[in-house]
């Protein structure tokens, strides 16, 4: 009878240890939904587009009255 209780206790401890330290204990980060403001590629494209628009705009400086 004592051996049966020891076996049940051992199985219980093994299951608890498996649940605590076994595989699949860490959440998978690749399934996380990523918004566009967190995406480095999106931010890089927006920055590149903004810089391109600024460089294409003519600078509004003082006009040369002498011509």
N, C-alpha and C. Protein backbone atom coordinates (compact mmCIF):
# COMPACT_ATOMS: atom_id res chain seq x y z
N UNK A 1 0.83 -1.20 0.00
CA UNK A 1 0.00 0.00 0.00
C UNK A 1 0.87 1.26 0.00
N UNK A 2 1.94 1.26 0.76
CA UNK A 2 2.81 2.44 0.83
C UNK A 2 3.50 2.67 -0.52
N UNK A 3 3.78 1.55 -1.23
CA UNK A 3 4.42 1.69 -2.54
C UNK A 3 3.45 2.33 -3.55
N UNK A 4 2.20 2.03 -3.44
CA UNK A 4 1.20 2.63 -4.33
C UNK A 4 1.09 4.13 -4.08
N UNK A 5 1.08 4.55 -2.82
CA UNK A 5 1.04 5.98 -2.50
C UNK A 5 2.31 6.69 -2.95
N UNK A 6 3.46 6.03 -2.81
CA UNK A 6 4.72 6.61 -3.27
C UNK A 6 4.72 6.76 -4.79
N UNK A 7 4.17 5.78 -5.49
CA UNK A 7 4.10 5.84 -6.94
C UNK A 7 3.17 6.98 -7.39
N UNK A 8 2.04 7.13 -6.74
CA UNK A 8 1.11 8.22 -7.07
C UNK A 8 1.78 9.57 -6.79
N UNK A 9 2.48 9.69 -5.70
CA UNK A 9 3.19 10.93 -5.38
C UNK A 9 4.27 11.23 -6.39
N UNK A 10 5.00 10.20 -6.80
CA UNK A 10 6.07 10.38 -7.78
C UNK A 10 5.51 10.82 -9.13
N UNK A 11 4.42 10.21 -9.54
CA UNK A 11 3.79 10.59 -10.81
C UNK A 11 3.28 12.03 -10.72
N UNK A 12 2.71 12.39 -9.59
CA UNK A 12 2.20 13.76 -9.41
C UNK A 12 3.34 14.77 -9.49
N UNK A 13 4.44 14.49 -8.83
CA UNK A 13 5.59 15.40 -8.88
C UNK A 13 6.15 15.47 -10.30
N UNK A 14 6.21 14.36 -11.00
CA UNK A 14 6.72 14.34 -12.37
C UNK A 14 5.83 15.19 -13.29
N UNK A 15 4.52 15.06 -13.13
CA UNK A 15 3.60 15.84 -13.97
C UNK A 15 3.74 17.33 -13.67
N UNK A 16 3.84 17.68 -12.40
CA UNK A 16 3.99 19.09 -12.04
C UNK A 16 5.31 19.67 -12.57
N UNK A 17 6.38 18.90 -12.49
CA UNK A 17 7.66 19.36 -13.03
C UNK A 17 7.60 19.49 -14.55
N UNK A 18 6.90 18.56 -15.20
CA UNK A 18 6.76 18.63 -16.65
C UNK A 18 5.99 19.88 -17.05
N UNK A 19 4.92 20.17 -16.32
CA UNK A 19 4.13 21.36 -16.62
C UNK A 19 4.94 22.64 -16.38
N UNK A 20 5.77 22.64 -15.36
CA UNK A 20 6.52 23.84 -15.01
C UNK A 20 7.73 24.08 -15.93
N UNK A 21 8.45 23.02 -16.26
CA UNK A 21 9.72 23.19 -16.97
C UNK A 21 9.78 22.46 -18.31
N UNK A 22 8.72 21.85 -18.73
CA UNK A 22 8.71 21.09 -19.97
C UNK A 22 8.66 21.99 -21.19
N UNK A 23 8.57 21.40 -22.37
CA UNK A 23 8.48 22.20 -23.59
C UNK A 23 7.16 22.99 -23.62
N UNK A 24 7.15 24.00 -24.46
CA UNK A 24 5.98 24.87 -24.64
C UNK A 24 5.67 25.70 -23.40
N UNK A 25 6.68 25.98 -22.58
CA UNK A 25 6.42 26.85 -21.43
C UNK A 25 6.59 28.31 -21.80
N UNK A 26 7.34 28.60 -22.85
CA UNK A 26 7.55 29.98 -23.28
C UNK A 26 6.55 30.32 -24.38
N UNK A 27 5.94 31.48 -24.32
CA UNK A 27 5.01 31.85 -25.40
C UNK A 27 5.77 32.14 -26.69
N UNK A 28 5.17 31.80 -27.78
CA UNK A 28 5.77 32.02 -29.09
C UNK A 28 5.53 33.47 -29.47
N UNK A 29 6.59 34.23 -29.70
CA UNK A 29 6.47 35.65 -29.99
C UNK A 29 6.16 35.92 -31.46
N UNK A 30 6.39 34.96 -32.32
CA UNK A 30 6.18 35.19 -33.74
C UNK A 30 4.70 35.28 -34.10
N UNK A 31 3.82 34.76 -33.25
CA UNK A 31 2.39 34.82 -33.51
C UNK A 31 1.78 36.13 -33.03
N UNK A 32 2.57 36.98 -32.42
CA UNK A 32 2.06 38.25 -31.90
C UNK A 32 1.69 39.18 -33.06
N UNK A 33 0.56 39.81 -32.94
CA UNK A 33 0.14 40.76 -33.97
C UNK A 33 0.96 42.02 -33.78
N UNK A 34 1.54 42.48 -34.88
CA UNK A 34 2.42 43.64 -34.81
C UNK A 34 1.79 44.78 -35.61
N UNK A 35 1.57 45.87 -34.93
CA UNK A 35 1.00 47.04 -35.59
C UNK A 35 2.01 47.70 -36.49
N UNK A 36 1.54 48.54 -37.42
CA UNK A 36 2.48 49.16 -38.36
C UNK A 36 3.46 50.11 -37.69
N UNK A 37 3.08 50.69 -36.56
CA UNK A 37 4.01 51.60 -35.90
C UNK A 37 5.08 50.86 -35.11
N UNK A 38 4.98 49.53 -35.01
CA UNK A 38 6.01 48.72 -34.37
C UNK A 38 6.90 48.02 -35.38
N UNK A 39 6.53 48.06 -36.65
CA UNK A 39 7.25 47.34 -37.69
C UNK A 39 8.42 48.19 -38.18
N UNK A 40 9.66 47.73 -38.01
CA UNK A 40 10.82 48.53 -38.42
C UNK A 40 10.85 48.81 -39.92
N UNK A 41 10.41 47.85 -40.74
CA UNK A 41 10.41 48.08 -42.18
C UNK A 41 9.42 49.18 -42.56
N UNK A 42 8.25 49.16 -41.94
CA UNK A 42 7.26 50.20 -42.21
C UNK A 42 7.78 51.57 -41.80
N UNK A 43 8.39 51.65 -40.62
CA UNK A 43 8.93 52.93 -40.16
C UNK A 43 10.05 53.42 -41.07
N UNK A 44 10.86 52.51 -41.56
CA UNK A 44 11.95 52.88 -42.46
C UNK A 44 11.39 53.44 -43.77
N UNK A 45 10.34 52.80 -44.30
CA UNK A 45 9.73 53.27 -45.54
C UNK A 45 9.09 54.64 -45.35
N UNK A 46 8.42 54.85 -44.23
CA UNK A 46 7.78 56.14 -43.96
C UNK A 46 8.85 57.22 -43.84
N UNK A 47 9.95 56.92 -43.14
CA UNK A 47 11.03 57.89 -42.99
C UNK A 47 11.66 58.22 -44.34
N UNK A 48 11.88 57.21 -45.16
CA UNK A 48 12.47 57.43 -46.49
C UNK A 48 11.54 58.28 -47.35
N UNK A 49 10.24 57.98 -47.29
CA UNK A 49 9.28 58.75 -48.07
C UNK A 49 9.22 60.21 -47.61
N UNK A 50 9.27 60.43 -46.31
CA UNK A 50 9.24 61.79 -45.77
C UNK A 50 10.48 62.56 -46.19
N UNK A 51 11.63 61.93 -46.11
CA UNK A 51 12.86 62.62 -46.53
C UNK A 51 12.87 62.92 -48.02
N UNK A 52 12.31 61.99 -48.81
CA UNK A 52 12.26 62.21 -50.25
C UNK A 52 11.35 63.39 -50.59
N UNK A 53 10.21 63.49 -49.90
CA UNK A 53 9.29 64.60 -50.14
C UNK A 53 9.93 65.93 -49.74
N UNK A 54 10.67 65.93 -48.63
CA UNK A 54 11.34 67.17 -48.19
C UNK A 54 12.42 67.59 -49.18
N UNK A 55 13.12 66.64 -49.75
CA UNK A 55 14.20 66.99 -50.68
C UNK A 55 13.64 67.42 -52.04
N UNK A 56 12.45 66.96 -52.40
CA UNK A 56 11.84 67.34 -53.67
C UNK A 56 11.20 68.72 -53.63
N UNK A 57 10.83 69.19 -52.45
CA UNK A 57 10.18 70.51 -52.34
C UNK A 57 11.20 71.60 -52.59
N UNK A 58 10.81 72.62 -53.36
CA UNK A 58 11.74 73.75 -53.53
C UNK A 58 11.82 74.54 -52.23
N UNK A 59 13.00 74.96 -51.91
CA UNK A 59 13.18 75.70 -50.67
C UNK A 59 12.59 77.09 -50.82
N UNK A 60 11.82 77.50 -49.84
CA UNK A 60 11.17 78.82 -49.87
C UNK A 60 12.12 79.82 -49.21
N UNK A 61 13.07 80.30 -49.96
CA UNK A 61 14.02 81.27 -49.45
C UNK A 61 13.68 82.65 -49.99
N UNK A 62 14.44 83.66 -49.61
CA UNK A 62 14.18 85.00 -50.14
C UNK A 62 14.45 85.05 -51.64
N UNK A 63 13.53 85.65 -52.35
CA UNK A 63 13.68 85.76 -53.81
C UNK A 63 14.74 86.80 -54.13
N UNK A 64 15.46 86.58 -55.21
CA UNK A 64 16.52 87.51 -55.63
C UNK A 64 15.86 88.63 -56.45
N UNK A 65 15.78 89.83 -55.89
CA UNK A 65 15.12 90.93 -56.63
C UNK A 65 15.94 91.40 -57.83
N UNK A 66 17.24 91.14 -57.83
CA UNK A 66 18.06 91.64 -58.93
C UNK A 66 17.85 90.78 -60.17
N UNK A 67 17.37 89.57 -60.00
CA UNK A 67 17.02 88.76 -61.14
C UNK A 67 18.07 87.86 -61.54
